[in-house]
Amino acid sequence: MKIGDIYTMLSEQQKISFFLPIIDFFVFLLIAFTVRFLKSDLTLFTSTIILFMLLMVVFNFYSARFQNRSTYFISVITLIIVLNICIIILQFSLFERFIYTKTGLLKINGLSLIYLYIRRYLLFIYLKNNRKNIYILSSSGTEKMEYLIKEKASRRNNWYYMGVHKTEDFFTTVRQNLNKEETIVLINNLTSYTEHEQKNILALKMNGYYVHTYADFCELYLNKIAIESINDEWLILSKGFDSIFLSNYSRLKRITDIFLAVIGLTISLPLLLIAAVMIKIDSKGSILFSQTRTGKNGKPFTIYKLRTMRQDAEKDGAKWASQNDSRITPVGNFLRKTRIDEIPQMYNVLIGNMSFIGPRPERPEFDRELSKEIPYYMLRYLIKPGLTGWAQVNYGYGASVEDSKMKLKYDLYYIKNYSFFLDLRIIFKTILIVLFRKGR
């Protein structure tokens, strides 16, 4: 596959997420040359440029969703203020004195401000020139497609939902006014259309229009698998699902898991001791909480966490935890939001029951119920469950069958597109979620 083909397959958000950080890096490097920062100290320069990139992510500068002027102004000013504070802290931590002069800081602030507004203008031009008009060709079962696309288009600056059209009307009237570079045509499985309609759809594809099934659109643009639109044939013929069986990557991931688990448990030991004392003071019961969960290939294992609920939380049987659950103790609520309660699971990672990244392990009794309600549910256990995963960083908390169905869409996307770079994205997004306490 050519590089140009790969670029074309990327969604607008993926292009922005990939290319903008590279551009920002070189622009910030240019700013560093301008203020002669490189002549001062390489350590401070490296720390500052990494910090700048992290802050850009934190303040949502890599989203395809275009901020209005007032929101963008607040984001830019906050970014610059935080950057200055961090630079000052870095200087005193590394050198116990100021390396930057007042003139140097003013140059950094001024040039950064100018660049961020030029960047906003160029992003606006890019999104405007990459407008996507989304049409749905009518067939049985398009109602769910319409709801999803309408909702998603309202949150994308260059997506314009153009409604559901009867195939005959689309090919006789609507098509005449279409710009193929701006048009995405969504269809159901081809079997939903007559032979004549299928030939017209093929003609669209052969003339350079973007034609996607609902399932392919969800994977390509929304980074999830539409489980309601797939079947055995799709699973057999679709690309992906093969990386999980590559022994080299599996070994690398296992080595990484062991290394991170050892480092993580060592560093977090003082935090665990403080948390243990808080749990004992807050409520009666044990400090650690153990529970049976489903592991790789459906094999059960015992998971370990810090206790966050009352000791008698399940006296009436197993229940899903929910937000604002009355069974959660005050200290437990804090531990959950900061994810400190999950630190003991690093032991599960160390002994091989879990990985750092993968689908969250569910309880066997819930799995039995969910596998009856949700098609292909047990495919999520093709790999080891994880501390964090694609579903957790994209969907968050779930406490119902519908939530589990939505999380499965993300879990299957991860399993299908299993890669080192996707793992990196998940780790980075997890760090941001923990730092800003977007708890369960």
Protein backbone atom coordinates (compact mmCIF):
# COMPACT_ATOMS: atom_id res chain seq x y z
CA MET A 1 0.00 0.00 0.00
CA LYS A 2 1.32 3.44 -0.98
CA ILE A 3 1.79 6.29 1.51
CA GLY A 4 -0.79 8.34 -0.39
CA ASP A 5 -3.36 5.56 0.02
CA ILE A 6 -2.72 5.39 3.77
CA TYR A 7 -3.09 9.19 4.04
CA THR A 8 -6.42 9.05 2.18
CA MET A 9 -7.73 6.39 4.58
CA LEU A 10 -7.02 8.50 7.65
CA SER A 11 -9.91 10.45 9.14
CA GLU A 12 -9.58 14.21 9.60
CA GLN A 13 -9.06 13.75 13.34
CA GLN A 14 -6.30 11.18 12.74
CA LYS A 15 -4.54 13.49 10.29
CA ILE A 16 -4.71 16.39 12.74
CA SER A 17 -3.56 14.22 15.66
CA PHE A 18 -0.61 12.91 13.64
CA PHE A 19 0.66 15.94 11.71
CA LEU A 20 -0.06 18.88 14.01
CA PRO A 21 2.26 17.72 16.85
CA ILE A 22 5.08 17.36 14.30
CA ILE A 23 4.45 20.89 12.98
CA ASP A 24 4.21 22.26 16.52
CA PHE A 25 7.51 20.62 17.46
CA PHE A 26 9.42 22.28 14.63
CA VAL A 27 7.74 25.66 15.20
CA PHE A 28 8.63 25.56 18.88
CA LEU A 29 12.17 24.58 17.89
CA LEU A 30 12.26 27.68 15.68
CA ILE A 31 11.03 29.81 18.59
CA ALA A 32 13.83 28.35 20.74
CA PHE A 33 16.40 29.39 18.11
CA THR A 34 14.85 32.86 17.93
CA VAL A 35 15.25 33.51 21.66
CA ARG A 36 18.68 31.80 21.61
CA PHE A 37 17.44 29.25 24.10
CA LEU A 38 19.61 26.49 22.69
CA LYS A 39 22.75 28.30 23.83
CA SER A 40 21.68 28.18 27.46
CA ASP A 41 21.12 24.55 28.39
CA LEU A 42 20.04 21.47 26.46
CA THR A 43 18.31 19.86 29.47
CA LEU A 44 16.10 22.88 30.07
CA PHE A 45 15.34 23.16 26.36
CA THR A 46 14.34 19.48 26.08
CA SER A 47 12.19 19.66 29.22
CA THR A 48 10.45 22.81 28.01
CA ILE A 49 9.65 21.51 24.54
CA ILE A 50 8.20 18.26 25.96
CA LEU A 51 6.20 20.31 28.44
CA PHE A 52 4.87 22.54 25.66
CA MET A 53 3.68 19.51 23.67
CA LEU A 54 1.98 17.98 26.72
CA LEU A 55 0.19 21.23 27.52
CA MET A 56 -1.03 21.45 23.92
CA VAL A 57 -2.66 18.04 24.38
CA VAL A 58 -4.08 18.93 27.80
CA PHE A 59 -5.73 22.11 26.46
CA ASN A 60 -7.26 20.20 23.52
CA PHE A 61 -5.28 21.81 20.70
CA TYR A 62 -5.31 18.56 18.70
CA SER A 63 -9.02 18.20 18.15
CA ALA A 64 -10.90 18.51 14.86
CA ARG A 65 -13.60 20.31 16.82
CA PHE A 66 -13.07 24.02 16.14
CA GLN A 67 -13.21 26.25 19.23
CA ASN A 68 -15.01 29.58 19.07
CA ARG A 69 -12.99 32.77 19.57
CA SER A 70 -13.72 33.32 23.26
CA THR A 71 -13.04 29.67 24.20
CA TYR A 72 -9.86 29.64 22.13
CA PHE A 73 -8.66 32.92 23.69
CA ILE A 74 -9.13 31.50 27.20
CA SER A 75 -7.31 28.28 26.19
CA VAL A 76 -4.37 30.20 24.70
CA ILE A 77 -3.96 32.57 27.66
CA THR A 78 -4.22 29.69 30.14
CA LEU A 79 -1.69 27.68 28.13
CA ILE A 80 0.83 30.54 28.10
CA ILE A 81 0.39 31.28 31.82
CA VAL A 82 0.85 27.60 32.76
CA LEU A 83 3.85 27.35 30.40
CA ASN A 84 5.52 30.34 32.09
CA ILE A 85 4.90 28.96 35.56
CA CYS A 86 6.34 25.58 34.55
CA ILE A 87 9.40 27.21 32.92
CA ILE A 88 10.13 29.13 36.12
CA ILE A 89 9.72 25.97 38.24
CA LEU A 90 11.97 24.03 35.84
CA GLN A 91 14.67 26.69 36.00
CA PHE A 92 14.78 26.72 39.79
CA SER A 93 14.62 22.90 40.00
CA LEU A 94 17.48 22.45 37.53
CA PHE A 95 19.65 25.51 38.16
CA GLU A 96 18.31 27.32 41.27
CA ARG A 97 18.40 30.54 39.25
CA PHE A 98 16.80 32.16 36.19
CA ILE A 99 18.23 31.17 32.81
CA TYR A 100 15.65 33.13 30.84
CA THR A 101 15.76 36.92 30.89
CA LYS A 102 12.57 38.99 30.97
CA THR A 103 13.14 39.78 27.30
CA GLY A 104 13.50 36.06 26.53
CA LEU A 105 10.21 35.24 28.27
CA LEU A 106 8.44 38.09 26.48
CA LYS A 107 9.72 36.78 23.14
CA ILE A 108 8.50 33.27 23.94
CA ASN A 109 5.07 34.57 24.99
CA GLY A 110 4.73 36.87 21.98
CA LEU A 111 5.89 34.37 19.38
CA SER A 112 3.79 31.57 20.92
CA LEU A 113 0.70 33.80 20.91
CA ILE A 114 1.24 34.76 17.26
CA TYR A 115 1.84 31.17 16.22
CA LEU A 116 -1.21 29.80 18.03
CA TYR A 117 -3.51 32.27 16.25
CA ILE A 118 -1.89 31.62 12.85
CA ARG A 119 -2.30 27.91 13.61
CA ARG A 120 -6.02 28.40 14.37
CA TYR A 121 -6.55 30.25 11.08
CA LEU A 122 -4.73 27.58 9.04
CA LEU A 123 -6.68 24.80 10.81
CA PHE A 124 -9.91 26.60 9.95
CA ILE A 125 -8.87 26.81 6.28
CA TYR A 126 -7.91 23.12 6.29
CA LEU A 127 -11.22 22.00 7.79
CA LYS A 128 -13.17 24.27 5.46
CA ASN A 129 -11.39 22.82 2.42
CA ASN A 130 -11.94 19.27 3.68
CA ARG A 131 -15.68 19.56 4.13
CA LYS A 132 -17.48 16.22 4.20
CA ASN A 133 -21.15 16.00 3.19
CA ILE A 134 -22.52 12.70 4.51
CA TYR A 135 -25.41 11.05 2.67
CA ILE A 136 -27.18 7.84 3.70
CA LEU A 137 -28.75 5.64 1.03
CA SER A 138 -32.09 4.43 2.32
CA SER A 139 -32.64 0.75 3.10
CA SER A 140 -33.98 -1.28 5.99
CA GLY A 141 -32.25 -0.43 9.26
CA THR A 142 -30.96 3.07 8.43
CA GLU A 143 -32.63 4.67 11.47
CA LYS A 144 -29.73 3.85 13.80
CA MET A 145 -27.25 5.03 11.19
CA GLU A 146 -29.10 8.33 10.88
CA TYR A 147 -29.15 8.92 14.63
CA LEU A 148 -25.42 8.25 15.02
CA ILE A 149 -24.31 10.35 12.04
CA LYS A 150 -26.56 13.27 12.99
CA GLU A 151 -25.18 13.24 16.53
CA LYS A 152 -21.55 12.93 15.42
CA ALA A 153 -21.86 15.58 12.70
CA SER A 154 -23.07 18.11 15.27
CA ARG A 155 -19.68 17.74 17.03
CA ARG A 156 -17.43 17.90 13.93
CA ASN A 157 -16.68 21.21 12.26
CA ASN A 158 -16.35 19.82 8.75
CA TRP A 159 -19.05 17.13 8.81
CA TYR A 160 -22.40 18.06 7.28
CA TYR A 161 -25.20 15.52 7.55
CA MET A 162 -27.31 15.64 4.37
CA GLY A 163 -30.02 13.17 5.37
CA VAL A 164 -31.36 9.81 4.19
CA HIS A 165 -32.12 9.59 0.47
CA LYS A 166 -33.97 7.03 -1.58
CA THR A 167 -31.48 5.41 -3.93
CA GLU A 168 -33.38 6.27 -7.10
CA ASP A 169 -33.73 9.96 -6.12
CA PHE A 170 -30.08 10.08 -5.12
CA PHE A 171 -28.82 8.77 -8.46
CA THR A 172 -31.20 10.80 -10.65
CA THR A 173 -31.13 14.23 -8.97
CA VAL A 174 -28.88 14.59 -5.92
CA ARG A 175 -25.78 13.08 -7.51
CA GLN A 176 -25.70 15.70 -10.28
CA ASN A 177 -24.65 18.41 -7.79
CA LEU A 178 -22.07 16.46 -5.80
CA ASN A 179 -18.38 17.22 -5.39
CA LYS A 180 -16.77 13.80 -5.04
CA GLU A 181 -14.01 15.17 -2.76
CA GLU A 182 -16.66 16.38 -0.30
CA THR A 183 -19.06 13.44 -0.45
CA ILE A 184 -19.28 10.37 1.77
CA VAL A 185 -22.05 7.92 0.89
CA LEU A 186 -23.06 5.52 3.64
CA ILE A 187 -24.75 2.24 2.83
CA ASN A 188 -25.93 -0.83 4.67
CA ASN A 189 -24.68 -4.24 3.62
CA LEU A 190 -25.09 -4.61 -0.15
CA THR A 191 -27.69 -7.34 0.30
CA SER A 192 -30.06 -4.60 1.53
CA TYR A 193 -30.22 -3.15 -1.99
CA THR A 194 -31.60 -4.42 -5.29
CA GLU A 195 -29.27 -5.55 -8.07
CA HIS A 196 -29.90 -2.30 -9.97
CA GLU A 197 -29.10 -0.23 -6.86
CA GLN A 198 -25.92 -2.22 -6.28
CA LYS A 199 -24.74 -1.39 -9.80
CA ASN A 200 -25.36 2.31 -9.19
CA ILE A 201 -23.41 2.13 -5.90
CA LEU A 202 -20.55 0.39 -7.72
CA ALA A 203 -20.58 3.18 -10.34
CA LEU A 204 -20.24 5.74 -7.54
CA LYS A 205 -17.24 3.89 -6.11
CA MET A 206 -15.61 3.55 -9.53
CA ASN A 207 -16.02 7.29 -10.13
CA GLY A 208 -14.00 8.23 -7.05
CA TYR A 209 -16.69 8.89 -4.45
CA TYR A 210 -16.19 7.81 -0.82
CA VAL A 211 -18.58 4.89 -0.34
CA HIS A 212 -18.54 3.13 3.02
CA THR A 213 -20.69 0.59 4.77
CA TYR A 214 -21.86 1.69 8.18
CA ALA A 215 -19.45 -0.79 9.81
CA ASP A 216 -16.42 0.43 7.85
CA PHE A 217 -17.35 4.08 8.48
CA CYS A 218 -17.48 3.50 12.24
CA GLU A 219 -14.08 1.84 12.24
CA LEU A 220 -12.39 4.35 9.95
CA TYR A 221 -13.83 7.59 11.32
CA LEU A 222 -15.09 6.78 14.82
CA ASN A 223 -12.48 4.21 15.94
CA LYS A 224 -14.94 1.57 17.02
CA ILE A 225 -16.58 -1.54 15.56
CA ALA A 226 -20.32 -1.40 14.81
CA ILE A 227 -21.23 -4.78 16.32
CA GLU A 228 -24.87 -4.37 15.26
CA SER A 229 -23.78 -4.27 11.59
CA ILE A 230 -21.20 -7.06 11.45
CA ASN A 231 -21.55 -10.81 10.98
CA ASP A 232 -19.38 -13.92 10.75
CA GLU A 233 -18.52 -13.17 7.12
CA TRP A 234 -17.30 -9.66 8.02
CA LEU A 235 -15.12 -11.04 10.81
CA ILE A 236 -13.63 -13.69 8.53
CA LEU A 237 -12.88 -11.40 5.58
CA SER A 238 -11.98 -8.11 7.29
CA LYS A 239 -8.35 -7.17 7.75
CA GLY A 240 -7.03 -7.18 11.30
CA PHE A 241 -7.29 -9.48 14.33
CA ASP A 242 -3.97 -11.03 13.29
CA SER A 243 -1.52 -8.96 15.37
CA ILE A 244 -2.77 -10.55 18.60
CA PHE A 245 -1.32 -13.85 17.42
CA LEU A 246 2.15 -12.49 16.60
CA SER A 247 4.48 -14.05 19.16
CA ASN A 248 7.19 -11.38 18.85
CA TYR A 249 4.87 -8.53 19.79
CA SER A 250 3.25 -10.61 22.53
CA ARG A 251 6.68 -11.28 24.07
CA LEU A 252 7.62 -7.60 23.83
CA LYS A 253 4.36 -6.63 25.48
CA ARG A 254 4.89 -9.17 28.28
CA ILE A 255 8.41 -7.90 28.96
CA THR A 256 7.10 -4.33 29.01
CA ASP A 257 4.28 -5.33 31.39
CA ILE A 258 6.73 -6.93 33.84
CA PHE A 259 9.08 -3.94 33.72
CA LEU A 260 6.28 -1.39 34.25
CA ALA A 261 4.65 -3.47 37.00
CA VAL A 262 7.91 -3.72 38.98
CA ILE A 263 8.60 0.02 38.59
CA GLY A 264 4.98 0.93 39.32
CA LEU A 265 4.67 -1.17 42.49
CA THR A 266 8.01 0.12 43.79
CA ILE A 267 7.19 3.79 43.21
CA SER A 268 3.61 3.52 44.49
CA LEU A 269 4.44 1.67 47.74
CA PRO A 270 4.34 4.84 49.94
CA LEU A 271 1.03 5.80 48.30
CA LEU A 272 -0.39 2.35 49.02
CA LEU A 273 0.60 2.62 52.69
CA ILE A 274 -1.14 6.01 53.02
CA ALA A 275 -4.23 4.67 51.22
CA ALA A 276 -4.31 1.64 53.53
CA VAL A 277 -4.35 3.88 56.62
CA MET A 278 -7.13 6.02 55.11
CA ILE A 279 -9.26 2.96 54.34
CA LYS A 280 -8.86 1.62 57.89
CA ILE A 281 -9.81 4.98 59.44
CA ASP A 282 -12.75 5.48 57.08
CA SER A 283 -14.60 2.16 57.41
CA LYS A 284 -14.50 -1.32 58.87
CA GLY A 285 -13.19 -4.20 56.83
CA SER A 286 -10.12 -5.38 54.98
CA ILE A 287 -7.78 -3.08 53.06
CA LEU A 288 -7.54 -5.25 49.98
CA PHE A 289 -10.49 -6.48 48.00
CA SER A 290 -10.33 -9.61 45.85
CA GLN A 291 -12.82 -10.80 43.28
CA THR A 292 -13.09 -13.41 40.52
CA ARG A 293 -12.85 -11.93 37.01
CA THR A 294 -12.74 -13.38 33.50
CA GLY A 295 -9.30 -13.52 31.88
CA LYS A 296 -7.85 -14.40 28.50
CA ASN A 297 -9.83 -17.09 26.63
CA GLY A 298 -12.49 -17.00 29.35
CA LYS A 299 -10.24 -18.40 32.08
CA PRO A 300 -11.17 -16.99 35.53
CA PHE A 301 -8.59 -15.38 37.84
CA THR A 302 -8.55 -13.41 41.09
CA ILE A 303 -8.17 -9.66 40.78
CA TYR A 304 -6.86 -7.45 43.62
CA LYS A 305 -7.88 -3.86 44.38
CA LEU A 306 -7.99 -1.50 47.33
CA ARG A 307 -11.40 -1.73 48.95
CA THR A 308 -13.62 1.24 48.03
CA MET A 309 -17.02 -0.03 49.18
CA ARG A 310 -18.58 -1.01 52.49
CA GLN A 311 -17.71 -4.51 53.68
CA ASP A 312 -21.33 -5.65 53.19
CA ALA A 313 -21.67 -4.06 49.74
CA GLU A 314 -22.83 -7.30 48.10
CA LYS A 315 -24.86 -8.91 50.86
CA ASP A 316 -27.83 -9.05 48.43
CA GLY A 317 -25.78 -10.49 45.56
CA ALA A 318 -23.58 -9.21 42.74
CA LYS A 319 -24.47 -5.76 41.42
CA TRP A 320 -22.90 -3.42 38.91
CA ALA A 321 -21.20 -0.43 40.50
CA SER A 322 -22.62 2.89 39.31
CA GLN A 323 -21.72 6.55 39.55
CA ASN A 324 -22.66 8.02 42.95
CA ASP A 325 -23.10 4.46 44.24
CA SER A 326 -24.25 4.62 47.87
CA ARG A 327 -22.08 1.58 48.70
CA ILE A 328 -18.88 3.52 47.96
CA THR A 329 -17.19 5.04 51.03
CA PRO A 330 -15.93 8.67 51.05
CA VAL A 331 -12.31 7.53 50.89
CA GLY A 332 -13.28 4.95 48.27
CA ASN A 333 -14.78 7.67 46.11
CA PHE A 334 -11.46 9.53 46.14
CA LEU A 335 -9.47 6.35 45.43
CA ARG A 336 -11.71 5.55 42.46
CA LYS A 337 -11.49 9.00 40.91
CA THR A 338 -7.71 9.06 41.19
CA ARG A 339 -7.44 5.37 40.13
CA ILE A 340 -5.31 4.65 43.23
CA ASP A 341 -7.61 1.71 44.05
CA GLU A 342 -6.32 -0.09 40.94
CA ILE A 343 -2.63 -0.02 41.89
CA PRO A 344 -2.72 -3.58 43.40
CA GLN A 345 -3.74 -4.86 39.96
CA MET A 346 -0.11 -4.33 38.94
CA TYR A 347 0.47 -7.56 40.88
CA ASN A 348 -1.98 -9.25 38.50
CA VAL A 349 0.04 -7.80 35.61
CA LEU A 350 3.27 -9.05 37.17
CA ILE A 351 2.06 -12.65 37.52
CA GLY A 352 0.55 -12.64 34.02
CA ASN A 353 -3.23 -12.58 34.65
CA MET A 354 -3.51 -9.11 33.13
CA SER A 355 -1.69 -6.67 30.88
CA PHE A 356 -1.36 -2.91 31.30
CA ILE A 357 -3.54 -2.40 28.21
CA GLY A 358 -6.56 -4.46 27.22
CA PRO A 359 -10.32 -4.77 27.80
CA ARG A 360 -11.39 -4.39 31.42
CA PRO A 361 -12.05 -7.82 32.99
CA GLU A 362 -15.68 -8.37 33.96
CA ARG A 363 -17.17 -10.73 36.53
CA PRO A 364 -18.13 -14.20 35.19
CA GLU A 365 -21.75 -13.84 36.35
CA PHE A 366 -22.07 -10.59 34.38
CA ASP A 367 -20.27 -12.09 31.38
CA ARG A 368 -22.81 -14.91 31.16
CA GLU A 369 -25.64 -12.37 31.07
CA LEU A 370 -23.90 -10.04 28.62
CA SER A 371 -22.88 -12.80 26.20
CA LYS A 372 -26.60 -13.65 25.79
CA GLU A 373 -27.53 -10.03 25.12
CA ILE A 374 -24.57 -8.81 23.01
CA PRO A 375 -23.31 -10.55 19.85
CA TYR A 376 -19.61 -11.43 19.78
CA TYR A 377 -19.22 -10.30 23.39
CA MET A 378 -16.71 -13.00 24.39
CA LEU A 379 -14.31 -11.94 21.59
CA ARG A 380 -13.05 -9.29 24.01
CA TYR A 381 -11.24 -12.10 25.86
CA LEU A 382 -9.08 -13.06 22.88
CA ILE A 383 -6.36 -11.08 24.67
CA LYS A 384 -5.46 -10.47 28.30
CA PRO A 385 -7.63 -7.93 30.12
CA GLY A 386 -5.91 -4.69 31.10
CA LEU A 387 -5.62 -1.95 33.68
CA THR A 388 -6.63 0.53 31.00
CA GLY A 389 -7.81 0.22 27.44
CA TRP A 390 -9.31 1.83 24.34
CA ALA A 391 -12.84 1.55 25.76
CA GLN A 392 -11.88 3.14 29.09
CA VAL A 393 -10.20 6.20 27.56
CA ASN A 394 -12.96 6.76 24.98
CA TYR A 395 -16.16 5.85 26.80
CA GLY A 396 -15.43 5.82 30.51
CA TYR A 397 -17.84 4.46 33.09
CA GLY A 398 -20.37 1.75 32.20
CA ALA A 399 -22.97 0.07 34.38
CA SER A 400 -25.57 -1.44 32.07
CA VAL A 401 -26.00 -3.77 29.10
CA GLU A 402 -26.08 -0.77 26.74
CA ASP A 403 -22.86 0.60 28.24
CA SER A 404 -21.22 -2.81 27.89
CA LYS A 405 -22.31 -2.95 24.24
CA MET A 406 -20.76 0.45 23.59
CA LYS A 407 -17.52 -0.50 25.34
CA LEU A 408 -17.36 -3.73 23.34
CA LYS A 409 -17.31 -1.64 20.14
CA TYR A 410 -14.10 0.01 21.34
CA ASP A 411 -12.63 -3.23 22.70
CA LEU A 412 -13.09 -4.98 19.34
CA TYR A 413 -11.54 -2.00 17.55
CA TYR A 414 -8.49 -2.34 19.80
CA ILE A 415 -8.21 -6.10 19.24
CA LYS A 416 -8.64 -5.68 15.47
CA ASN A 417 -6.07 -2.85 15.28
CA TYR A 418 -3.75 -4.12 18.03
CA SER A 419 -0.40 -2.31 17.69
CA PHE A 420 2.41 -0.64 19.58
CA PHE A 421 1.34 2.84 18.46
CA LEU A 422 -2.26 2.30 19.56
CA ASP A 423 -0.93 1.20 22.97
CA LEU A 424 1.06 4.45 23.17
CA ARG A 425 -2.08 6.49 22.43
CA ILE A 426 -3.96 4.67 25.19
CA ILE A 427 -1.17 5.20 27.74
CA PHE A 428 -0.99 8.90 26.93
CA LYS A 429 -4.76 9.39 27.13
CA THR A 430 -4.87 7.43 30.42
CA ILE A 431 -2.25 9.73 31.96
CA LEU A 432 -4.33 12.79 31.03
CA ILE A 433 -7.50 11.23 32.46
CA VAL A 434 -5.76 10.41 35.76
CA LEU A 435 -4.18 13.86 36.03
CA PHE A 436 -7.52 15.60 35.52
CA ARG A 437 -9.47 13.15 37.65
CA LYS A 438 -12.00 12.05 35.05
CA GLY A 439 -12.92 9.17 37.28
CA ARG A 440 -15.34 6.30 36.87
